[in-house]
PDB file of N, CA and C in Angstrom:
ATOM      1  N   MET A   1     -50.437 -67.516   1.663  1.00  0.00           N
ATOM      2  CA  MET A   1     -49.726 -68.430   0.788  1.00  0.00           C
ATOM      3  C   MET A   1     -48.550 -67.721   0.134  1.00  0.00           C
ATOM      4  N   SER A   2     -47.488 -68.451  -0.060  1.00  0.00           N
ATOM      5  CA  SER A   2     -46.311 -67.860  -0.697  1.00  0.00           C
ATOM      6  C   SER A   2     -46.438 -67.971  -2.211  1.00  0.00           C
ATOM      7  N   SER A   3     -45.648 -67.189  -2.906  1.00  0.00           N
ATOM      8  CA  SER A   3     -45.708 -67.177  -4.364  1.00  0.00           C
ATOM      9  C   SER A   3     -44.904 -68.322  -4.976  1.00  0.00           C
ATOM     10  N   GLU A   4     -44.071 -69.010  -4.183  1.00  0.00           N
ATOM     11  CA  GLU A   4     -43.273 -70.112  -4.689  1.00  0.00           C
ATOM     12  C   GLU A   4     -44.089 -71.390  -4.680  1.00  0.00           C
ATOM     13  N   PRO A   5     -43.834 -72.298  -5.654  1.00  0.00           N
ATOM     14  CA  PRO A   5     -44.579 -73.562  -5.674  1.00  0.00           C
ATOM     15  C   PRO A   5     -44.143 -74.462  -4.523  1.00  0.00           C
ATOM     16  N   TYR A   6     -45.003 -75.375  -4.194  1.00  0.00           N
ATOM     17  CA  TYR A   6     -44.736 -76.311  -3.108  1.00  0.00           C
ATOM     18  C   TYR A   6     -43.637 -77.260  -3.532  1.00  0.00           C
ATOM     19  N   ASP A   7     -42.649 -77.443  -2.652  1.00  0.00           N
ATOM     20  CA  ASP A   7     -41.556 -78.378  -2.903  1.00  0.00           C
ATOM     21  C   ASP A   7     -41.502 -79.334  -1.726  1.00  0.00           C
ATOM     22  N   PRO A   8     -41.800 -80.625  -1.958  1.00  0.00           N
ATOM     23  CA  PRO A   8     -41.843 -81.567  -0.838  1.00  0.00           C
ATOM     24  C   PRO A   8     -40.473 -81.822  -0.225  1.00  0.00           C
ATOM     25  N   TYR A   9     -39.367 -81.436  -0.917  1.00  0.00           N
ATOM     26  CA  TYR A   9     -38.037 -81.700  -0.398  1.00  0.00           C
ATOM     27  C   TYR A   9     -37.535 -80.595   0.529  1.00  0.00           C
ATOM     28  N   ILE A  10     -38.281 -79.509   0.615  1.00  0.00           N
ATOM     29  CA  ILE A  10     -37.918 -78.430   1.532  1.00  0.00           C
ATOM     30  C   ILE A  10     -38.734 -78.626   2.805  1.00  0.00           C
ATOM     31  N   PRO A  11     -38.058 -78.801   3.948  1.00  0.00           N
ATOM     32  CA  PRO A  11     -38.788 -79.092   5.187  1.00  0.00           C
ATOM     33  C   PRO A  11     -39.712 -77.943   5.584  1.00  0.00           C
ATOM     34  N   ASN A  12     -40.850 -78.317   6.187  1.00  0.00           N
ATOM     35  CA  ASN A  12     -41.836 -77.373   6.718  1.00  0.00           C
ATOM     36  C   ASN A  12     -42.384 -76.432   5.657  1.00  0.00           C
ATOM     37  N   GLY A  13     -42.259 -76.805   4.379  1.00  0.00           N
ATOM     38  CA  GLY A  13     -42.801 -75.961   3.330  1.00  0.00           C
ATOM     39  C   GLY A  13     -42.099 -74.633   3.209  1.00  0.00           C
ATOM     40  N   GLN A  14     -40.898 -74.509   3.760  1.00  0.00           N
ATOM     41  CA  GLN A  14     -40.136 -73.257   3.691  1.00  0.00           C
ATOM     42  C   GLN A  14     -39.488 -73.171   2.316  1.00  0.00           C
ATOM     43  N   GLY A  15     -40.071 -72.430   1.431  1.00  0.00           N
ATOM     44  CA  GLY A  15     -39.547 -72.336   0.076  1.00  0.00           C
ATOM     45  C   GLY A  15     -38.645 -71.151  -0.112  1.00  0.00           C
ATOM     46  N   SER A  16     -38.560 -70.282   0.823  1.00  0.00           N
ATOM     47  CA  SER A  16     -37.750 -69.085   0.632  1.00  0.00           C
ATOM     48  C   SER A  16     -36.415 -69.237   1.337  1.00  0.00           C
ATOM     49  N   GLN A  17     -35.488 -68.402   0.991  1.00  0.00           N
ATOM     50  CA  GLN A  17     -34.168 -68.414   1.605  1.00  0.00           C
ATOM     51  C   GLN A  17     -34.177 -67.679   2.946  1.00  0.00           C
ATOM     52  N   ASP A  18     -35.327 -67.071   3.306  1.00  0.00           N
ATOM     53  CA  ASP A  18     -35.393 -66.274   4.524  1.00  0.00           C
ATOM     54  C   ASP A  18     -35.383 -67.134   5.778  1.00  0.00           C
ATOM     55  N   GLY A  19     -35.932 -68.321   5.691  1.00  0.00           N
ATOM     56  CA  GLY A  19     -36.066 -69.173   6.866  1.00  0.00           C
ATOM     57  C   GLY A  19     -34.782 -69.898   7.190  1.00  0.00           C
ATOM     58  N   PRO A  20     -34.705 -70.526   8.362  1.00  0.00           N
ATOM     59  CA  PRO A  20     -33.508 -71.281   8.745  1.00  0.00           C
ATOM     60  C   PRO A  20     -33.360 -72.519   7.865  1.00  0.00           C
ATOM     61  N   ARG A  21     -32.101 -72.858   7.588  1.00  0.00           N
ATOM     62  CA  ARG A  21     -31.825 -74.022   6.736  1.00  0.00           C
ATOM     63  C   ARG A  21     -31.164 -75.100   7.569  1.00  0.00           C
ATOM     64  N   ASP A  22     -31.424 -76.310   7.169  1.00  0.00           N
ATOM     65  CA  ASP A  22     -30.843 -77.464   7.848  1.00  0.00           C
ATOM     66  C   ASP A  22     -29.419 -77.672   7.332  1.00  0.00           C
ATOM     67  N   PRO A  23     -28.408 -77.775   8.198  1.00  0.00           N
ATOM     68  CA  PRO A  23     -27.020 -77.957   7.742  1.00  0.00           C
ATOM     69  C   PRO A  23     -26.835 -79.260   6.980  1.00  0.00           C
ATOM     70  N   ARG A  24     -27.626 -80.277   7.316  1.00  0.00           N
ATOM     71  CA  ARG A  24     -27.507 -81.542   6.575  1.00  0.00           C
ATOM     72  C   ARG A  24     -27.952 -81.348   5.123  1.00  0.00           C
ATOM     73  N   THR A  25     -29.003 -80.565   4.952  1.00  0.00           N
ATOM     74  CA  THR A  25     -29.484 -80.289   3.607  1.00  0.00           C
ATOM     75  C   THR A  25     -28.429 -79.510   2.827  1.00  0.00           C
ATOM     76  N   ASP A  26     -27.802 -78.544   3.485  1.00  0.00           N
ATOM     77  CA  ASP A  26     -26.745 -77.779   2.818  1.00  0.00           C
ATOM     78  C   ASP A  26     -25.580 -78.687   2.427  1.00  0.00           C
ATOM     79  N   ALA A  27     -25.207 -79.600   3.309  1.00  0.00           N
ATOM     80  CA  ALA A  27     -24.102 -80.524   3.018  1.00  0.00           C
ATOM     81  C   ALA A  27     -24.460 -81.431   1.843  1.00  0.00           C
ATOM     82  N   ILE A  28     -25.688 -81.923   1.841  1.00  0.00           N
ATOM     83  CA  ILE A  28     -26.123 -82.787   0.741  1.00  0.00           C
ATOM     84  C   ILE A  28     -26.154 -81.993  -0.558  1.00  0.00           C
ATOM     85  N   GLN A  29     -26.640 -80.747  -0.502  1.00  0.00           N
ATOM     86  CA  GLN A  29     -26.690 -79.911  -1.697  1.00  0.00           C
ATOM     87  C   GLN A  29     -25.285 -79.636  -2.222  1.00  0.00           C
ATOM     88  N   LYS A  30     -24.325 -79.414  -1.329  1.00  0.00           N
ATOM     89  CA  LYS A  30     -22.940 -79.198  -1.746  1.00  0.00           C
ATOM     90  C   LYS A  30     -22.385 -80.446  -2.437  1.00  0.00           C
ATOM     91  N   ASP A  31     -22.692 -81.628  -1.856  1.00  0.00           N
ATOM     92  CA  ASP A  31     -22.249 -82.886  -2.466  1.00  0.00           C
ATOM     93  C   ASP A  31     -22.869 -83.058  -3.846  1.00  0.00           C
ATOM     94  N   ILE A  32     -24.143 -82.732  -3.956  1.00  0.00           N
ATOM     95  CA  ILE A  32     -24.818 -82.853  -5.253  1.00  0.00           C
ATOM     96  C   ILE A  32     -24.190 -81.896  -6.253  1.00  0.00           C
ATOM     97  N   ASN A  33     -23.920 -80.669  -5.830  1.00  0.00           N
ATOM     98  CA  ASN A  33     -23.304 -79.694  -6.731  1.00  0.00           C
ATOM     99  C   ASN A  33     -21.915 -80.146  -7.169  1.00  0.00           C
ATOM    100  N   LYS A  34     -21.134 -80.718  -6.239  1.00  0.00           N
ATOM    101  CA  LYS A  34     -19.807 -81.232  -6.593  1.00  0.00           C
ATOM    102  C   LYS A  34     -19.929 -82.366  -7.603  1.00  0.00           C
ATOM    103  N   THR A  35     -20.902 -83.253  -7.361  1.00  0.00           N
ATOM    104  CA  THR A  35     -21.103 -84.382  -8.264  1.00  0.00           C
ATOM    105  C   THR A  35     -21.522 -83.901  -9.647  1.00  0.00           C
ATOM    106  N   VAL A  36     -22.421 -82.940  -9.690  1.00  0.00           N
ATOM    107  CA  VAL A  36     -22.876 -82.391 -10.971  1.00  0.00           C
ATOM    108  C   VAL A  36     -21.707 -81.732 -11.698  1.00  0.00           C
ATOM    109  N   ASP A  37     -20.895 -80.968 -10.978  1.00  0.00           N
ATOM    110  CA  ASP A  37     -19.728 -80.336 -11.596  1.00  0.00           C
ATOM    111  C   ASP A  37     -18.762 -81.386 -12.136  1.00  0.00           C
ATOM    112  N   LYS A  38     -18.534 -82.434 -11.352  1.00  0.00           N
ATOM    113  CA  LYS A  38     -17.634 -83.512 -11.784  1.00  0.00           C
ATOM    114  C   LYS A  38     -18.187 -84.205 -13.031  1.00  0.00           C
ATOM    115  N   MET A  39     -19.483 -84.429 -13.074  1.00  0.00           N
ATOM    116  CA  MET A  39     -20.103 -85.077 -14.231  1.00  0.00           C
ATOM    117  C   MET A  39     -19.984 -84.175 -15.469  1.00  0.00           C
ATOM    118  N   ARG A  40     -20.170 -82.876 -15.289  1.00  0.00           N
ATOM    119  CA  ARG A  40     -20.008 -81.953 -16.422  1.00  0.00           C
ATOM    120  C   ARG A  40     -18.570 -81.980 -16.926  1.00  0.00           C
ATOM    121  N   GLU A  41     -17.631 -82.005 -16.000  1.00  0.00           N
ATOM    122  CA  GLU A  41     -16.223 -82.080 -16.373  1.00  0.00           C
ATOM    123  C   GLU A  41     -15.941 -83.386 -17.125  1.00  0.00           C
ATOM    124  N   ASN A  42     -16.498 -84.479 -16.639  1.00  0.00           N
ATOM    125  CA  ASN A  42     -16.310 -85.774 -17.304  1.00  0.00           C
ATOM    126  C   ASN A  42     -16.898 -85.766 -18.706  1.00  0.00           C
ATOM    127  N   ILE A  43     -18.053 -85.150 -18.861  1.00  0.00           N
ATOM    128  CA  ILE A  43     -18.687 -85.081 -20.185  1.00  0.00           C
ATOM    129  C   ILE A  43     -17.830 -84.230 -21.126  1.00  0.00           C
ATOM    130  N   ASP A  44     -17.297 -83.114 -20.609  1.00  0.00           N
ATOM    131  CA  ASP A  44     -16.408 -82.284 -21.427  1.00  0.00           C
ATOM    132  C   ASP A  44     -15.160 -83.069 -21.833  1.00  0.00           C
ATOM    133  N   ASN A  45     -14.590 -83.794 -20.887  1.00  0.00           N
ATOM    134  CA  ASN A  45     -13.413 -84.615 -21.196  1.00  0.00           C
ATOM    135  C   ASN A  45     -13.738 -85.679 -22.231  1.00  0.00           C
ATOM    136  N   LEU A  46     -14.900 -86.277 -22.110  1.00  0.00           N
ATOM    137  CA  LEU A  46     -15.321 -87.303 -23.060  1.00  0.00           C
ATOM    138  C   LEU A  46     -15.475 -86.705 -24.452  1.00  0.00           C
ATOM    139  N   ALA A  47     -16.058 -85.518 -24.532  1.00  0.00           N
ATOM    140  CA  ALA A  47     -16.218 -84.863 -25.828  1.00  0.00           C
ATOM    141  C   ALA A  47     -14.852 -84.545 -26.441  1.00  0.00           C
ATOM    142  N   ARG A  48     -13.925 -84.048 -25.620  1.00  0.00           N
ATOM    143  CA  ARG A  48     -12.581 -83.761 -26.121  1.00  0.00           C
ATOM    144  C   ARG A  48     -11.876 -85.036 -26.576  1.00  0.00           C
ATOM    145  N   ARG A  49     -12.029 -86.092 -25.789  1.00  0.00           N
ATOM    146  CA  ARG A  49     -11.404 -87.368 -26.129  1.00  0.00           C
ATOM    147  C   ARG A  49     -11.968 -87.898 -27.444  1.00  0.00           C
ATOM    148  N   GLU A  50     -13.274 -87.769 -27.621  1.00  0.00           N
ATOM    149  CA  GLU A  50     -13.902 -88.234 -28.869  1.00  0.00           C
ATOM    150  C   GLU A  50     -13.363 -87.439 -30.058  1.00  0.00           C
ATOM    151  N   HIS A  51     -13.223 -86.137 -29.869  1.00  0.00           N
ATOM    152  CA  HIS A  51     -12.668 -85.294 -30.934  1.00  0.00           C
ATOM    153  C   HIS A  51     -11.236 -85.729 -31.258  1.00  0.00           C
ATOM    154  N   ASN A  52     -10.445 -85.977 -30.219  1.00  0.00           N
ATOM    155  CA  ASN A  52      -9.062 -86.425 -30.437  1.00  0.00           C
ATOM    156  C   ASN A  52      -9.024 -87.771 -31.137  1.00  0.00           C
ATOM    157  N   LEU A  53      -9.930 -88.672 -30.771  1.00  0.00           N
ATOM    158  CA  LEU A  53      -9.979 -89.984 -31.424  1.00  0.00           C
ATOM    159  C   LEU A  53     -10.368 -89.847 -32.891  1.00  0.00           C
ATOM    160  N   ASP A  54     -11.284 -88.938 -33.186  1.00  0.00           N
ATOM    161  CA  ASP A  54     -11.661 -88.703 -34.581  1.00  0.00           C
ATOM    162  C   ASP A  54     -10.469 -88.184 -35.381  1.00  0.00           C
ATOM    163  N   GLN A  55      -9.725 -87.251 -34.789  1.00  0.00           N
ATOM    164  CA  GLN A  55      -8.529 -86.742 -35.460  1.00  0.00           C
ATOM    165  C   GLN A  55      -7.498 -87.841 -35.662  1.00  0.00           C
ATOM    166  N   LEU A  56      -7.317 -88.670 -34.646  1.00  0.00           N
ATOM    167  CA  LEU A  56      -6.361 -89.769 -34.744  1.00  0.00           C
ATOM    168  C   LEU A  56      -6.779 -90.764 -35.827  1.00  0.00           C
ATOM    169  N   GLN A  57      -8.065 -91.045 -35.905  1.00  0.00           N
ATOM    170  CA  GLN A  57      -8.559 -91.961 -36.928  1.00  0.00           C
ATOM    171  C   GLN A  57      -8.330 -91.372 -38.320  1.00  0.00           C
ATOM    172  N   GLN A  58      -8.566 -90.080 -38.483  1.00  0.00           N
ATOM    173  CA  GLN A  58      -8.323 -89.428 -39.764  1.00  0.00           C
ATOM    174  C   GLN A  58      -6.852 -89.488 -40.134  1.00  0.00           C
ATOM    175  N   LYS A  59      -5.980 -89.212 -39.175  1.00  0.00           N
ATOM    176  CA  LYS A  59      -4.538 -89.258 -39.435  1.00  0.00           C
ATOM    177  C   LYS A  59      -4.095 -90.680 -39.771  1.00  0.00           C
ATOM    178  N   THR A  60      -4.689 -91.661 -39.107  1.00  0.00           N
ATOM    179  CA  THR A  60      -4.350 -93.054 -39.392  1.00  0.00           C
ATOM    180  C   THR A  60      -4.745 -93.427 -40.811  1.00  0.00           C
ATOM    181  N   GLY A  61      -5.934 -92.988 -41.217  1.00  0.00           N
ATOM    182  CA  GLY A  61      -6.363 -93.242 -42.594  1.00  0.00           C
ATOM    183  C   GLY A  61      -5.440 -92.588 -43.604  1.00  0.00           C
ATOM    184  N   ASP A  62      -5.053 -91.336 -43.330  1.00  0.00           N
ATOM    185  CA  ASP A  62      -4.130 -90.644 -44.228  1.00  0.00           C
ATOM    186  C   ASP A  62      -2.784 -91.357 -44.291  1.00  0.00           C
ATOM    187  N   LEU A  63      -2.318 -91.830 -43.141  1.00  0.00           N
ATOM    188  CA  LEU A  63      -1.043 -92.539 -43.096  1.00  0.00           C
ATOM    189  C   LEU A  63      -1.120 -93.855 -43.874  1.00  0.00           C
ATOM    190  N   ALA A  64      -2.239 -94.551 -43.765  1.00  0.00           N
ATOM    191  CA  ALA A  64      -2.409 -95.805 -44.508  1.00  0.00           C
ATOM    192  C   ALA A  64      -2.401 -95.531 -46.015  1.00  0.00           C
ATOM    193  N   ASP A  65      -3.078 -94.458 -46.433  1.00  0.00           N
ATOM    194  CA  ASP A  65      -3.066 -94.104 -47.857  1.00  0.00           C
ATOM    195  C   ASP A  65      -1.662 -93.766 -48.324  1.00  0.00           C
ATOM    196  N   THR A  66      -0.956 -92.989 -47.525  1.00  0.00           N
ATOM    197  CA  THR A  66       0.408 -92.602 -47.871  1.00  0.00           C
ATOM    198  C   THR A  66       1.321 -93.829 -47.929  1.00  0.00           C
ATOM    199  N   ALA A  67       1.128 -94.753 -47.001  1.00  0.00           N
ATOM    200  CA  ALA A  67       1.947 -95.975 -46.996  1.00  0.00           C
ATOM    201  C   ALA A  67       1.681 -96.800 -48.251  1.00  0.00           C
ATOM    202  N   GLY A  68       0.422 -96.875 -48.666  1.00  0.00           N
ATOM    203  CA  GLY A  68       0.102 -97.604 -49.900  1.00  0.00           C
ATOM    204  C   GLY A  68       0.746 -96.967 -51.110  1.00  0.00           C
ATOM    205  N   ASN A  69       0.682 -95.647 -51.181  1.00  0.00           N
ATOM    206  CA  ASN A  69       1.323 -94.939 -52.295  1.00  0.00           C
ATOM    207  C   ASN A  69       2.836 -95.147 -52.273  1.00  0.00           C
ATOM    208  N   PHE A  70       3.421 -95.093 -51.085  1.00  0.00           N
ATOM    209  CA  PHE A  70       4.863 -95.312 -50.964  1.00  0.00           C
ATOM    210  C   PHE A  70       5.241 -96.722 -51.420  1.00  0.00           C
ATOM    211  N   ARG A  71       4.437 -97.718 -51.015  1.00  0.00           N
ATOM    212  CA  ARG A  71       4.731 -99.102 -51.390  1.00  0.00           C
ATOM    213  C   ARG A  71       4.685 -99.259 -52.912  1.00  0.00           C
ATOM    214  N   ARG A  72       3.657 -98.677 -53.555  1.00  0.00           N
ATOM    215  CA  ARG A  72       3.560 -98.782 -55.015  1.00  0.00           C
ATOM    216  C   ARG A  72       4.739 -98.081 -55.686  1.00  0.00           C
ATOM    217  N   SER A  73       5.084 -96.903 -55.204  1.00  0.00           N
ATOM    218  CA  SER A  73       6.216 -96.170 -55.786  1.00  0.00           C
ATOM    219  C   SER A  73       7.517 -96.932 -55.582  1.00  0.00           C
ATOM    220  N   ALA A  74       7.692 -97.504 -54.412  1.00  0.00           N
ATOM    221  CA  ALA A  74       8.911 -98.267 -54.135  1.00  0.00           C
ATOM    222  C   ALA A  74       9.010 -99.488 -55.051  1.00  0.00           C
ATOM    223  N   ASN A  75       7.891-100.150 -55.303  1.00  0.00           N
ATOM    224  CA  ASN A  75       7.913-101.305 -56.214  1.00  0.00           C
ATOM    225  C   ASN A  75       8.270-100.874 -57.635  1.00  0.00           C
ATOM    226  N   LYS A  76       7.722 -99.723 -58.074  1.00  0.00           N
ATOM    227  CA  LYS A  76       8.052 -99.228 -59.415  1.00  0.00           C
ATOM    228  C   LYS A  76       9.544 -98.924 -59.512  1.00  0.00           C
ATOM    229  N   VAL A  77      10.079 -98.270 -58.498  1.00  0.00           N
ATOM    230  CA  VAL A  77      11.508 -97.923 -58.502  1.00  0.00           C
ATOM    231  C   VAL A  77      12.360 -99.187 -58.464  1.00  0.00           C
ATOM    232  N   ARG A  78      11.947-100.160 -57.639  1.00  0.00           N
ATOM    233  CA  ARG A  78      12.706-101.414 -57.554  1.00  0.00           C
ATOM    234  C   ARG A  78      12.736-102.126 -58.907  1.00  0.00           C
ATOM    235  N   LYS A  79      11.588-102.191 -59.587  1.00  0.00           N
ATOM    236  CA  LYS A  79      11.539-102.851 -60.901  1.00  0.00           C
ATOM    237  C   LYS A  79      12.376-102.103 -61.930  1.00  0.00           C
ATOM    238  N   LYS A  80      12.291-100.770 -61.886  1.00  0.00           N
ATOM    239  CA  LYS A  80      13.076 -99.965 -62.821  1.00  0.00           C
ATOM    240  C   LYS A  80      14.572-100.168 -62.588  1.00  0.00           C
ATOM    241  N   MET A  81      14.975-100.181 -61.339  1.00  0.00           N
ATOM    242  CA  MET A  81      16.393-100.400 -61.032  1.00  0.00           C
ATOM    243  C   MET A  81      16.837-101.803 -61.448  1.00  0.00           C
ATOM    244  N   TRP A  82      15.954-102.792 -61.274  1.00  0.00           N
ATOM    245  CA  TRP A  82      16.296-104.157 -61.686  1.00  0.00           C
ATOM    246  C   TRP A  82      16.524-104.200 -63.189  1.00  0.00           C
ATOM    247  N   TRP A  83      15.615-103.535 -63.949  1.00  0.00           N
ATOM    248  CA  TRP A  83      15.771-103.518 -65.403  1.00  0.00           C
ATOM    249  C   TRP A  83      17.049-102.780 -65.797  1.00  0.00           C
ATOM    250  N   ASN A  84      17.354-101.681 -65.132  1.00  0.00           N
ATOM    251  CA  ASN A  84      18.596-100.966 -65.428  1.00  0.00           C
ATOM    252  C   ASN A  84      19.812-101.846 -65.164  1.00  0.00           C
ATOM    253  N   GLU A  85      19.774-102.592 -64.070  1.00  0.00           N
ATOM    254  CA  GLU A  85      20.878-103.502 -63.757  1.00  0.00           C
ATOM    255  C   GLU A  85      20.993-104.611 -64.806  1.00  0.00           C
ATOM    256  N   MET A  86      19.852-105.139 -65.242  1.00  0.00           N
ATOM    257  CA  MET A  86      19.877-106.198 -66.255  1.00  0.00           C
ATOM    258  C   MET A  86      20.406-105.662 -67.580  1.00  0.00           C
ATOM    259  N   LYS A  87      20.004-104.440 -67.946  1.00  0.00           N
ATOM    260  CA  LYS A  87      20.517-103.837 -69.178  1.00  0.00           C
ATOM    261  C   LYS A  87      22.034-103.684 -69.106  1.00  0.00           C
ATOM    262  N   MET A  88      22.512-103.232 -67.950  1.00  0.00           N
ATOM    263  CA  MET A  88      23.953-103.065 -67.767  1.00  0.00           C
ATOM    264  C   MET A  88      24.669-104.410 -67.895  1.00  0.00           C
ATOM    265  N   ARG A  89      24.108-105.456 -67.305  1.00  0.00           N
ATOM    266  CA  ARG A  89      24.737-106.788 -67.402  1.00  0.00           C
ATOM    267  C   ARG A  89      24.738-107.292 -68.843  1.00  0.00           C
ATOM    268  N   ILE A  90      23.624-107.039 -69.540  1.00  0.00           N
ATOM    269  CA  ILE A  90      23.547-107.488 -70.938  1.00  0.00           C
ATOM    270  C   ILE A  90      24.595-106.754 -71.771  1.00  0.00           C
ATOM    271  N   TRP A  91      24.700-105.426 -71.620  1.00  0.00           N
ATOM    272  CA  TRP A  91      25.698-104.656 -72.368  1.00  0.00           C
ATOM    273  C   TRP A  91      27.115-105.083 -72.002  1.00  0.00           C
ATOM    274  N   LEU A  92      27.327-105.399 -70.738  1.00  0.00           N
ATOM    275  CA  LEU A  92      28.643-105.874 -70.311  1.00  0.00           C
ATOM    276  C   LEU A  92      28.961-107.226 -70.961  1.00  0.00           C
ATOM    277  N   ALA A  93      27.969-108.116 -70.975  1.00  0.00           N
ATOM    278  CA  ALA A  93      28.185-109.430 -71.607  1.00  0.00           C
ATOM    279  C   ALA A  93      28.436-109.275 -73.097  1.00  0.00           C
ATOM    280  N   ILE A  94      27.675-108.385 -73.760  1.00  0.00           N
ATOM    281  CA  ILE A  94      27.896-108.154 -75.193  1.00  0.00           C
ATOM    282  C   ILE A  94      29.286-107.569 -75.418  1.00  0.00           C
ATOM    283  N   GLY A  95      29.704-106.660 -74.568  1.00  0.00           N
ATOM    284  CA  GLY A  95      31.034-106.064 -74.698  1.00  0.00           C
ATOM    285  C   GLY A  95      32.129-107.104 -74.539  1.00  0.00           C
ATOM    286  N   ILE A  96      31.972-107.998 -73.582  1.00  0.00           N
ATOM    287  CA  ILE A  96      32.983-109.052 -73.375  1.00  0.00           C
ATOM    288  C   ILE A  96      33.027-109.980 -74.577  1.00  0.00           C
ATOM    289  N   VAL A  97      31.847-110.358 -75.111  1.00  0.00           N
ATOM    290  CA  VAL A  97      31.809-111.244 -76.285  1.00  0.00           C
ATOM    291  C   VAL A  97      32.464-110.563 -77.471  1.00  0.00           C
ATOM    292  N   VAL A  98      32.157-109.271 -77.691  1.00  0.00           N
ATOM    293  CA  VAL A  98      32.774-108.554 -78.815  1.00  0.00           C
ATOM    294  C   VAL A  98      34.281-108.461 -78.615  1.00  0.00           C
ATOM    295  N   LEU A  99      34.720-108.154 -77.395  1.00  0.00           N
ATOM    296  CA  LEU A  99      36.150-108.056 -77.116  1.00  0.00           C
ATOM    297  C   LEU A  99      36.842-109.404 -77.352  1.00  0.00           C
ATOM    298  N   LEU A 100      36.232-110.473 -76.881  1.00  0.00           N
ATOM    299  CA  LEU A 100      36.812-111.808 -77.123  1.00  0.00           C
ATOM    300  C   LEU A 100      36.825-112.129 -78.607  1.00  0.00           C
ATOM    301  N   ALA A 101      35.758-111.738 -79.292  1.00  0.00           N
ATOM    302  CA  ALA A 101      35.713-112.001 -80.740  1.00  0.00           C
ATOM    303  C   ALA A 101      36.823-111.238 -81.451  1.00  0.00           C
ATOM    304  N   ILE A 102      37.060-109.980 -81.032  1.00  0.00           N
ATOM    305  CA  ILE A 102      38.122-109.178 -81.654  1.00  0.00           C
ATOM    306  C   ILE A 102      39.491-109.817 -81.396  1.00  0.00           C
ATOM    307  N   ILE A 103      39.666-110.414 -80.235  1.00  0.00           N
ATOM    308  CA  ILE A 103      40.960-111.025 -79.900  1.00  0.00           C
ATOM    309  C   ILE A 103      41.086-112.412 -80.523  1.00  0.00           C
ATOM    310  N   ILE A 104      40.047-113.225 -80.439  1.00  0.00           N
ATOM    311  CA  ILE A 104      40.144-114.639 -80.849  1.00  0.00           C
ATOM    312  C   ILE A 104      40.101-114.796 -82.367  1.00  0.00           C
ATOM    313  N   ILE A 105      39.224-114.055 -83.037  1.00  0.00           N
ATOM    314  CA  ILE A 105      39.088-114.256 -84.498  1.00  0.00           C
ATOM    315  C   ILE A 105      40.408-113.947 -85.223  1.00  0.00           C
ATOM    316  N   PRO A 106      41.075-112.841 -84.981  1.00  0.00           N
ATOM    317  CA  PRO A 106      42.347-112.630 -85.696  1.00  0.00           C
ATOM    318  C   PRO A 106      43.414-113.681 -85.319  1.00  0.00           C
ATOM    319  N   ALA A 107      43.359-114.159 -84.061  1.00  0.00           N
ATOM    320  CA  ALA A 107      44.346-115.174 -83.663  1.00  0.00           C
ATOM    321  C   ALA A 107      44.086-116.472 -84.381  1.00  0.00           C
ATOM    322  N   VAL A 108      42.815-116.845 -84.548  1.00  0.00           N
ATOM    323  CA  VAL A 108      42.473-118.091 -85.246  1.00  0.00           C
ATOM    324  C   VAL A 108      42.798-117.957 -86.722  1.00  0.00           C
ATOM    325  N   VAL A 109      42.489-116.815 -87.312  1.00  0.00           N
ATOM    326  CA  VAL A 109      42.768-116.584 -88.720  1.00  0.00           C
ATOM    327  C   VAL A 109      44.287-116.612 -88.950  1.00  0.00           C
ATOM    328  N   ALA A 110      45.056-116.053 -88.058  1.00  0.00           N
ATOM    329  CA  ALA A 110      46.512-115.996 -88.210  1.00  0.00           C
ATOM    330  C   ALA A 110      47.130-117.412 -88.072  1.00  0.00           C
ATOM    331  N   THR A 111      46.573-118.252 -87.205  1.00  0.00           N
ATOM    332  CA  THR A 111      47.136-119.581 -87.038  1.00  0.00           C
ATOM    333  C   THR A 111      46.760-120.504 -88.198  1.00  0.00           C
ATOM    334  N   ARG A 112      45.712-120.226 -88.915  1.00  0.00           N
ATOM    335  CA  ARG A 112      45.312-121.057 -90.047  1.00  0.00           C
ATOM    336  C   ARG A 112      46.131-120.726 -91.291  1.00  0.00           C
ATOM    337  N   GLN A 113      46.728-119.615 -91.360  1.00  0.00           N
ATOM    338  CA  GLN A 113      47.481-119.245 -92.539  1.00  0.00           C
ATOM    339  C   GLN A 113      48.871-119.700 -92.475  1.00  0.00           C
TER     340      GLN A 113
END
């Protein structure tokens, strides 16, 4: 008896590498090895892709947060600029009224005398 366990897939109970091998078995074994290698490669690619997707999701979340902060800041700046513009218009209107008052009041007073 040989020291190797019985393997029903090895013809004639030849469990050692010493005996003759069937070329069909070798071809099938090569195909199986290629398939196993391809599957390992696919699993590695899948793991890398998952890692990349996780990074992309994190970056997307960060970008969404940054966009929200930008939108809030832009609204604050827009409101501040609007108020500055309104203040300028109010001061301009007050200046025009004062200027007209300086011109019109002495003219009216002079025509009444």
